[in-house]
Amino acid sequence: MDDVLIIEDPGNPEYMFGAEVSDVDGRYLILYTNRDTAPVRQKFPTNNVSSLTCTCQKNKLWIADLATSELGPNIRWNKIIDTFDAAYE
């Protein structure tokens, strides 16, 4: 049976969550949190004259090390980005 992760934030019922395990080693659980589905145009600087632009959703990005923390209510999250200021992957 696969492990199941349930994320809940009763204070923010509009938040949506998505999670994935790191591809290469399967060691890290990556959690994405969005407030809504409204896309935001975001520019990314590049080394040339133009910049890359994407229509993305602003999100938070948290990571848990599965080698040192078990799935469950006490999982230890490393809050990499804990504000909705841009789109992160």
PDB file of N, CA and C in Angstrom:
ATOM      1  N   MET A   1       0.846  -1.189   0.000  1.00  0.00           N
ATOM      2  CA  MET A   1       0.000   0.000   0.000  1.00  0.00           C
ATOM      3  C   MET A   1       0.886   1.246   0.000  1.00  0.00           C
ATOM      4  N   ASP A   2       0.522   2.237  -0.781  1.00  0.00           N
ATOM      5  CA  ASP A   2       1.253   3.493  -0.827  1.00  0.00           C
ATOM      6  C   ASP A   2       0.947   4.330   0.404  1.00  0.00           C
ATOM      7  N   ASP A   3       1.924   5.162   0.796  1.00  0.00           N
ATOM      8  CA  ASP A   3       1.699   6.100   1.890  1.00  0.00           C
ATOM      9  C   ASP A   3       0.741   7.182   1.426  1.00  0.00           C
ATOM     10  N   VAL A   4      -0.030   7.707   2.351  1.00  0.00           N
ATOM     11  CA  VAL A   4      -0.979   8.765   2.050  1.00  0.00           C
ATOM     12  C   VAL A   4      -0.625   9.973   2.896  1.00  0.00           C
ATOM     13  N   LEU A   5      -0.613  11.134   2.279  1.00  0.00           N
ATOM     14  CA  LEU A   5      -0.335  12.378   2.978  1.00  0.00           C
ATOM     15  C   LEU A   5      -1.569  13.261   2.872  1.00  0.00           C
ATOM     16  N   ILE A   6      -2.064  13.717   4.014  1.00  0.00           N
ATOM     17  CA  ILE A   6      -3.205  14.629   4.039  1.00  0.00           C
ATOM     18  C   ILE A   6      -2.725  15.938   4.633  1.00  0.00           C
ATOM     19  N   ILE A   7      -2.881  17.012   3.875  1.00  0.00           N
ATOM     20  CA  ILE A   7      -2.480  18.340   4.322  1.00  0.00           C
ATOM     21  C   ILE A   7      -3.748  19.138   4.592  1.00  0.00           C
ATOM     22  N   GLU A   8      -3.767  19.809   5.727  1.00  0.00           N
ATOM     23  CA  GLU A   8      -4.944  20.575   6.107  1.00  0.00           C
ATOM     24  C   GLU A   8      -4.500  21.888   6.731  1.00  0.00           C
ATOM     25  N   ASP A   9      -5.198  22.957   6.383  1.00  0.00           N
ATOM     26  CA  ASP A   9      -4.959  24.254   7.001  1.00  0.00           C
ATOM     27  C   ASP A   9      -6.332  24.871   7.285  1.00  0.00           C
ATOM     28  N   PRO A  10      -6.939  24.538   8.439  1.00  0.00           N
ATOM     29  CA  PRO A  10      -8.298  25.000   8.734  1.00  0.00           C
ATOM     30  C   PRO A  10      -8.451  26.518   8.709  1.00  0.00           C
ATOM     31  N   GLY A  11      -7.378  27.250   8.978  1.00  0.00           N
ATOM     32  CA  GLY A  11      -7.433  28.703   8.964  1.00  0.00           C
ATOM     33  C   GLY A  11      -7.450  29.298   7.566  1.00  0.00           C
ATOM     34  N   ASN A  12      -7.134  28.477   6.567  1.00  0.00           N
ATOM     35  CA  ASN A  12      -7.081  28.947   5.177  1.00  0.00           C
ATOM     36  C   ASN A  12      -7.730  27.912   4.267  1.00  0.00           C
ATOM     37  N   PRO A  13      -9.057  27.795   4.306  1.00  0.00           N
ATOM     38  CA  PRO A  13      -9.725  26.754   3.528  1.00  0.00           C
ATOM     39  C   PRO A  13      -9.588  26.922   2.014  1.00  0.00           C
ATOM     40  N   GLU A  14      -9.184  28.118   1.555  1.00  0.00           N
ATOM     41  CA  GLU A  14      -9.037  28.339   0.117  1.00  0.00           C
ATOM     42  C   GLU A  14      -7.688  27.827  -0.419  1.00  0.00           C
ATOM     43  N   TYR A  15      -6.773  27.453   0.453  1.00  0.00           N
ATOM     44  CA  TYR A  15      -5.466  26.957   0.022  1.00  0.00           C
ATOM     45  C   TYR A  15      -5.613  25.601  -0.657  1.00  0.00           C
ATOM     46  N   MET A  16      -4.803  25.384  -1.686  1.00  0.00           N
ATOM     47  CA  MET A  16      -4.746  24.113  -2.396  1.00  0.00           C
ATOM     48  C   MET A  16      -3.325  23.585  -2.286  1.00  0.00           C
ATOM     49  N   PHE A  17      -3.177  22.283  -2.168  1.00  0.00           N
ATOM     50  CA  PHE A  17      -1.871  21.681  -1.946  1.00  0.00           C
ATOM     51  C   PHE A  17      -1.561  20.647  -3.011  1.00  0.00           C
ATOM     52  N   GLY A  18      -0.295  20.546  -3.348  1.00  0.00           N
ATOM     53  CA  GLY A  18       0.206  19.500  -4.227  1.00  0.00           C
ATOM     54  C   GLY A  18       1.551  19.056  -3.692  1.00  0.00           C
ATOM     55  N   ALA A  19       1.838  17.779  -3.813  1.00  0.00           N
ATOM     56  CA  ALA A  19       3.103  17.265  -3.286  1.00  0.00           C
ATOM     57  C   ALA A  19       3.705  16.281  -4.265  1.00  0.00           C
ATOM     58  N   GLU A  20       5.015  16.180  -4.235  1.00  0.00           N
ATOM     59  CA  GLU A  20       5.728  15.186  -5.039  1.00  0.00           C
ATOM     60  C   GLU A  20       7.013  14.817  -4.320  1.00  0.00           C
ATOM     61  N   VAL A  21       7.518  13.648  -4.648  1.00  0.00           N
ATOM     62  CA  VAL A  21       8.778  13.179  -4.084  1.00  0.00           C
ATOM     63  C   VAL A  21       9.875  13.474  -5.100  1.00  0.00           C
ATOM     64  N   SER A  22      11.055  13.877  -4.619  1.00  0.00           N
ATOM     65  CA  SER A  22      12.161  14.217  -5.516  1.00  0.00           C
ATOM     66  C   SER A  22      12.460  13.051  -6.458  1.00  0.00           C
ATOM     67  N   ASP A  23      12.668  13.368  -7.737  1.00  0.00           N
ATOM     68  CA  ASP A  23      12.839  12.364  -8.785  1.00  0.00           C
ATOM     69  C   ASP A  23      14.094  11.521  -8.629  1.00  0.00           C
ATOM     70  N   VAL A  24      15.207  12.137  -8.372  1.00  0.00           N
ATOM     71  CA  VAL A  24      16.498  11.451  -8.432  1.00  0.00           C
ATOM     72  C   VAL A  24      16.674  10.441  -7.304  1.00  0.00           C
ATOM     73  N   ASP A  25      16.397  10.866  -6.076  1.00  0.00           N
ATOM     74  CA  ASP A  25      16.711   9.996  -4.946  1.00  0.00           C
ATOM     75  C   ASP A  25      15.505   9.597  -4.100  1.00  0.00           C
ATOM     76  N   GLY A  26      14.354  10.199  -4.327  1.00  0.00           N
ATOM     77  CA  GLY A  26      13.162   9.874  -3.548  1.00  0.00           C
ATOM     78  C   GLY A  26      13.267  10.257  -2.081  1.00  0.00           C
ATOM     79  N   ARG A  27      14.220  11.098  -1.755  1.00  0.00           N
ATOM     80  CA  ARG A  27      14.464  11.437  -0.356  1.00  0.00           C
ATOM     81  C   ARG A  27      13.633  12.613   0.149  1.00  0.00           C
ATOM     82  N   TYR A  28      13.260  13.506  -0.733  1.00  0.00           N
ATOM     83  CA  TYR A  28      12.610  14.748  -0.309  1.00  0.00           C
ATOM     84  C   TYR A  28      11.156  14.791  -0.764  1.00  0.00           C
ATOM     85  N   LEU A  29      10.303  15.254   0.139  1.00  0.00           N
ATOM     86  CA  LEU A  29       8.910  15.500  -0.181  1.00  0.00           C
ATOM     87  C   LEU A  29       8.769  17.000  -0.395  1.00  0.00           C
ATOM     88  N   ILE A  30       8.271  17.383  -1.546  1.00  0.00           N
ATOM     89  CA  ILE A  30       8.140  18.792  -1.912  1.00  0.00           C
ATOM     90  C   ILE A  30       6.662  19.151  -1.898  1.00  0.00           C
ATOM     91  N   LEU A  31       6.315  20.185  -1.142  1.00  0.00           N
ATOM     92  CA  LEU A  31       4.924  20.604  -1.001  1.00  0.00           C
ATOM     93  C   LEU A  31       4.749  21.987  -1.617  1.00  0.00           C
ATOM     94  N   TYR A  32       3.763  22.093  -2.508  1.00  0.00           N
ATOM     95  CA  TYR A  32       3.401  23.365  -3.128  1.00  0.00           C
ATOM     96  C   TYR A  32       2.052  23.792  -2.566  1.00  0.00           C
ATOM     97  N   THR A  33       1.931  25.058  -2.191  1.00  0.00           N
ATOM     98  CA  THR A  33       0.668  25.576  -1.674  1.00  0.00           C
ATOM     99  C   THR A  33       0.264  26.786  -2.496  1.00  0.00           C
ATOM    100  N   ASN A  34      -0.961  26.750  -3.042  1.00  0.00           N
ATOM    101  CA  ASN A  34      -1.519  27.869  -3.796  1.00  0.00           C
ATOM    102  C   ASN A  34      -2.737  28.403  -3.063  1.00  0.00           C
ATOM    103  N   ARG A  35      -2.984  29.706  -3.200  1.00  0.00           N
ATOM    104  CA  ARG A  35      -4.183  30.308  -2.600  1.00  0.00           C
ATOM    105  C   ARG A  35      -5.387  30.181  -3.506  1.00  0.00           C
ATOM    106  N   ASP A  36      -5.163  30.268  -4.795  1.00  0.00           N
ATOM    107  CA  ASP A  36      -6.258  30.214  -5.758  1.00  0.00           C
ATOM    108  C   ASP A  36      -5.684  29.789  -7.104  1.00  0.00           C
ATOM    109  N   THR A  37      -6.520  29.788  -8.115  1.00  0.00           N
ATOM    110  CA  THR A  37      -6.057  29.364  -9.436  1.00  0.00           C
ATOM    111  C   THR A  37      -5.831  30.540 -10.379  1.00  0.00           C
ATOM    112  N   ALA A  38      -5.897  31.761  -9.859  1.00  0.00           N
ATOM    113  CA  ALA A  38      -5.713  32.939 -10.702  1.00  0.00           C
ATOM    114  C   ALA A  38      -4.273  33.026 -11.203  1.00  0.00           C
ATOM    115  N   PRO A  39      -4.079  33.000 -12.521  1.00  0.00           N
ATOM    116  CA  PRO A  39      -2.714  33.089 -13.044  1.00  0.00           C
ATOM    117  C   PRO A  39      -2.152  34.502 -12.913  1.00  0.00           C
ATOM    118  N   VAL A  40      -0.845  34.583 -12.763  1.00  0.00           N
ATOM    119  CA  VAL A  40      -0.137  35.852 -12.650  1.00  0.00           C
ATOM    120  C   VAL A  40       0.998  35.837 -13.663  1.00  0.00           C
ATOM    121  N   ARG A  41       1.140  36.909 -14.434  1.00  0.00           N
ATOM    122  CA  ARG A  41       2.261  36.987 -15.376  1.00  0.00           C
ATOM    123  C   ARG A  41       3.512  37.334 -14.592  1.00  0.00           C
ATOM    124  N   GLN A  42       4.557  36.558 -14.810  1.00  0.00           N
ATOM    125  CA  GLN A  42       5.797  36.733 -14.063  1.00  0.00           C
ATOM    126  C   GLN A  42       6.964  36.746 -15.027  1.00  0.00           C
ATOM    127  N   LYS A  43       7.847  37.725 -14.864  1.00  0.00           N
ATOM    128  CA  LYS A  43       9.034  37.825 -15.715  1.00  0.00           C
ATOM    129  C   LYS A  43      10.241  37.279 -14.983  1.00  0.00           C
ATOM    130  N   PHE A  44      11.066  36.553 -15.718  1.00  0.00           N
ATOM    131  CA  PHE A  44      12.299  36.004 -15.180  1.00  0.00           C
ATOM    132  C   PHE A  44      13.457  36.630 -15.946  1.00  0.00           C
ATOM    133  N   PRO A  45      14.399  37.278 -15.273  1.00  0.00           N
ATOM    134  CA  PRO A  45      15.528  37.888 -15.980  1.00  0.00           C
ATOM    135  C   PRO A  45      16.418  36.809 -16.614  1.00  0.00           C
ATOM    136  N   THR A  46      16.982  37.153 -17.746  1.00  0.00           N
ATOM    137  CA  THR A  46      17.923  36.255 -18.422  1.00  0.00           C
ATOM    138  C   THR A  46      19.180  37.040 -18.769  1.00  0.00           C
ATOM    139  N   ASN A  47      20.166  36.363 -19.293  1.00  0.00           N
ATOM    140  CA  ASN A  47      21.426  37.021 -19.653  1.00  0.00           C
ATOM    141  C   ASN A  47      21.352  37.777 -20.971  1.00  0.00           C
ATOM    142  N   ASN A  48      20.305  37.564 -21.737  1.00  0.00           N
ATOM    143  CA  ASN A  48      20.202  38.301 -22.994  1.00  0.00           C
ATOM    144  C   ASN A  48      19.229  39.462 -22.846  1.00  0.00           C
ATOM    145  N   VAL A  49      18.964  40.158 -23.944  1.00  0.00           N
ATOM    146  CA  VAL A  49      18.162  41.381 -23.902  1.00  0.00           C
ATOM    147  C   VAL A  49      16.728  41.112 -23.454  1.00  0.00           C
ATOM    148  N   SER A  50      16.131  40.035 -23.937  1.00  0.00           N
ATOM    149  CA  SER A  50      14.745  39.744 -23.572  1.00  0.00           C
ATOM    150  C   SER A  50      14.702  38.966 -22.258  1.00  0.00           C
ATOM    151  N   SER A  51      13.514  38.832 -21.702  1.00  0.00           N
ATOM    152  CA  SER A  51      13.350  38.028 -20.496  1.00  0.00           C
ATOM    153  C   SER A  51      12.286  36.972 -20.758  1.00  0.00           C
ATOM    154  N   LEU A  52      12.343  35.914 -19.995  1.00  0.00           N
ATOM    155  CA  LEU A  52      11.326  34.869 -20.099  1.00  0.00           C
ATOM    156  C   LEU A  52      10.104  35.306 -19.308  1.00  0.00           C
ATOM    157  N   THR A  53       8.931  35.035 -19.845  1.00  0.00           N
ATOM    158  CA  THR A  53       7.692  35.364 -19.156  1.00  0.00           C
ATOM    159  C   THR A  53       6.835  34.114 -19.067  1.00  0.00           C
ATOM    160  N   CYS A  54       6.237  33.885 -17.922  1.00  0.00           N
ATOM    161  CA  CYS A  54       5.310  32.760 -17.800  1.00  0.00           C
ATOM    162  C   CYS A  54       4.062  33.240 -17.093  1.00  0.00           C
ATOM    163  N   THR A  55       2.966  32.570 -17.367  1.00  0.00           N
ATOM    164  CA  THR A  55       1.733  32.817 -16.633  1.00  0.00           C
ATOM    165  C   THR A  55       1.629  31.705 -15.611  1.00  0.00           C
ATOM    166  N   CYS A  56       1.852  32.039 -14.356  1.00  0.00           N
ATOM    167  CA  CYS A  56       1.987  31.049 -13.293  1.00  0.00           C
ATOM    168  C   CYS A  56       1.056  31.408 -12.147  1.00  0.00           C
ATOM    169  N   GLN A  57       1.063  30.564 -11.143  1.00  0.00           N
ATOM    170  CA  GLN A  57       0.343  30.844  -9.915  1.00  0.00           C
ATOM    171  C   GLN A  57       1.364  31.032  -8.803  1.00  0.00           C
ATOM    172  N   LYS A  58       1.167  32.063  -8.003  1.00  0.00           N
ATOM    173  CA  LYS A  58       2.067  32.278  -6.867  1.00  0.00           C
ATOM    174  C   LYS A  58       1.867  31.148  -5.863  1.00  0.00           C
ATOM    175  N   ASN A  59       2.955  30.688  -5.280  1.00  0.00           N
ATOM    176  CA  ASN A  59       2.847  29.568  -4.353  1.00  0.00           C
ATOM    177  C   ASN A  59       3.918  29.608  -3.276  1.00  0.00           C
ATOM    178  N   LYS A  60       3.671  28.828  -2.234  1.00  0.00           N
ATOM    179  CA  LYS A  60       4.663  28.568  -1.192  1.00  0.00           C
ATOM    180  C   LYS A  60       5.358  27.260  -1.548  1.00  0.00           C
ATOM    181  N   LEU A  61       6.574  27.079  -1.036  1.00  0.00           N
ATOM    182  CA  LEU A  61       7.346  25.874  -1.325  1.00  0.00           C
ATOM    183  C   LEU A  61       7.991  25.381  -0.038  1.00  0.00           C
ATOM    184  N   TRP A  62       7.588  24.193   0.408  1.00  0.00           N
ATOM    185  CA  TRP A  62       8.146  23.581   1.599  1.00  0.00           C
ATOM    186  C   TRP A  62       8.741  22.232   1.231  1.00  0.00           C
ATOM    187  N   ILE A  63       9.772  21.826   1.939  1.00  0.00           N
ATOM    188  CA  ILE A  63      10.436  20.549   1.672  1.00  0.00           C
ATOM    189  C   ILE A  63      10.628  19.799   2.990  1.00  0.00           C
ATOM    190  N   ALA A  64      10.386  18.492   2.964  1.00  0.00           N
ATOM    191  CA  ALA A  64      10.642  17.629   4.121  1.00  0.00           C
ATOM    192  C   ALA A  64      11.645  16.557   3.704  1.00  0.00           C
ATOM    193  N   ASP A  65      12.614  16.296   4.552  1.00  0.00           N
ATOM    194  CA  ASP A  65      13.617  15.264   4.309  1.00  0.00           C
ATOM    195  C   ASP A  65      13.074  13.945   4.856  1.00  0.00           C
ATOM    196  N   LEU A  66      12.709  13.031   3.970  1.00  0.00           N
ATOM    197  CA  LEU A  66      12.098  11.773   4.388  1.00  0.00           C
ATOM    198  C   LEU A  66      13.088  10.825   5.052  1.00  0.00           C
ATOM    199  N   ALA A  67      14.382  11.137   4.977  1.00  0.00           N
ATOM    200  CA  ALA A  67      15.386  10.321   5.659  1.00  0.00           C
ATOM    201  C   ALA A  67      15.428  10.645   7.151  1.00  0.00           C
ATOM    202  N   THR A  68      14.953  11.835   7.522  1.00  0.00           N
ATOM    203  CA  THR A  68      15.015  12.245   8.931  1.00  0.00           C
ATOM    204  C   THR A  68      13.647  12.556   9.533  1.00  0.00           C
ATOM    205  N   SER A  69      12.591  12.505   8.727  1.00  0.00           N
ATOM    206  CA  SER A  69      11.258  12.835   9.201  1.00  0.00           C
ATOM    207  C   SER A  69      10.238  11.897   8.560  1.00  0.00           C
ATOM    208  N   GLU A  70       9.341  11.352   9.355  1.00  0.00           N
ATOM    209  CA  GLU A  70       8.328  10.435   8.846  1.00  0.00           C
ATOM    210  C   GLU A  70       7.054  11.177   8.468  1.00  0.00           C
ATOM    211  N   LEU A  71       6.337  10.619   7.483  1.00  0.00           N
ATOM    212  CA  LEU A  71       5.030  11.164   7.145  1.00  0.00           C
ATOM    213  C   LEU A  71       4.138  11.087   8.373  1.00  0.00           C
ATOM    214  N   GLY A  72       3.392  12.116   8.611  1.00  0.00           N
ATOM    215  CA  GLY A  72       2.482  12.136   9.751  1.00  0.00           C
ATOM    216  C   GLY A  72       2.290  13.548  10.250  1.00  0.00           C
ATOM    217  N   PRO A  73       1.543  13.709  11.309  1.00  0.00           N
ATOM    218  CA  PRO A  73       1.222  15.052  11.802  1.00  0.00           C
ATOM    219  C   PRO A  73       2.441  15.818  12.311  1.00  0.00           C
ATOM    220  N   ASN A  74       3.531  15.134  12.604  1.00  0.00           N
ATOM    221  CA  ASN A  74       4.727  15.806  13.128  1.00  0.00           C
ATOM    222  C   ASN A  74       5.853  15.900  12.107  1.00  0.00           C
ATOM    223  N   ILE A  75       5.535  15.763  10.832  1.00  0.00           N
ATOM    224  CA  ILE A  75       6.568  15.865   9.799  1.00  0.00           C
ATOM    225  C   ILE A  75       7.252  17.228   9.916  1.00  0.00           C
ATOM    226  N   ARG A  76       8.546  17.256   9.740  1.00  0.00           N
ATOM    227  CA  ARG A  76       9.314  18.504   9.869  1.00  0.00           C
ATOM    228  C   ARG A  76       9.486  19.142   8.484  1.00  0.00           C
ATOM    229  N   TRP A  77       8.833  20.263   8.282  1.00  0.00           N
ATOM    230  CA  TRP A  77       8.912  20.987   7.016  1.00  0.00           C
ATOM    231  C   TRP A  77       9.992  22.052   7.082  1.00  0.00           C
ATOM    232  N   ASN A  78      10.784  22.138   6.036  1.00  0.00           N
ATOM    233  CA  ASN A  78      11.738  23.222   5.852  1.00  0.00           C
ATOM    234  C   ASN A  78      11.037  24.220   4.931  1.00  0.00           C
ATOM    235  N   LYS A  79      10.655  25.358   5.453  1.00  0.00           N
ATOM    236  CA  LYS A  79       9.878  26.326   4.698  1.00  0.00           C
ATOM    237  C   LYS A  79      10.817  27.168   3.824  1.00  0.00           C
ATOM    238  N   ILE A  80      11.019  26.709   2.599  1.00  0.00           N
ATOM    239  CA  ILE A  80      11.920  27.374   1.651  1.00  0.00           C
ATOM    240  C   ILE A  80      11.345  28.738   1.251  1.00  0.00           C
ATOM    241  N   ILE A  81      10.095  28.755   0.817  1.00  0.00           N
ATOM    242  CA  ILE A  81       9.375  29.988   0.474  1.00  0.00           C
ATOM    243  C   ILE A  81       8.057  29.934   1.237  1.00  0.00           C
ATOM    244  N   ASP A  82       7.849  30.863   2.159  1.00  0.00           N
ATOM    245  CA  ASP A  82       6.654  30.822   2.993  1.00  0.00           C
ATOM    246  C   ASP A  82       5.766  32.045   2.772  1.00  0.00           C
ATOM    247  N   THR A  83       5.866  32.638   1.595  1.00  0.00           N
ATOM    248  CA  THR A  83       5.019  33.771   1.222  1.00  0.00           C
ATOM    249  C   THR A  83       4.539  33.558  -0.208  1.00  0.00           C
ATOM    250  N   PHE A  84       3.457  34.199  -0.571  1.00  0.00           N
ATOM    251  CA  PHE A  84       2.922  34.109  -1.935  1.00  0.00           C
ATOM    252  C   PHE A  84       3.448  35.301  -2.745  1.00  0.00           C
ATOM    253  N   ASP A  85       4.750  35.308  -3.036  1.00  0.00           N
ATOM    254  CA  ASP A  85       5.293  36.450  -3.772  1.00  0.00           C
ATOM    255  C   ASP A  85       5.678  36.141  -5.214  1.00  0.00           C
ATOM    256  N   ALA A  86       5.756  34.854  -5.587  1.00  0.00           N
ATOM    257  CA  ALA A  86       6.099  34.464  -6.960  1.00  0.00           C
ATOM    258  C   ALA A  86       5.753  32.992  -7.148  1.00  0.00           C
ATOM    259  N   ALA A  87       6.061  32.466  -8.334  1.00  0.00           N
ATOM    260  CA  ALA A  87       5.812  31.057  -8.629  1.00  0.00           C
ATOM    261  C   ALA A  87       7.138  30.285  -8.509  1.00  0.00           C
ATOM    262  N   TYR A  88       7.108  29.181  -7.797  1.00  0.00           N
ATOM    263  CA  TYR A  88       8.313  28.387  -7.576  1.00  0.00           C
ATOM    264  C   TYR A  88       8.059  26.922  -7.894  1.00  0.00           C
ATOM    265  N   GLU A  89       9.101  26.241  -8.376  1.00  0.00           N
ATOM    266  CA  GLU A  89       9.029  24.795  -8.635  1.00  0.00           C
ATOM    267  C   GLU A  89      10.189  24.125  -7.967  1.00  0.00           C
TER     268      GLU A  89
END
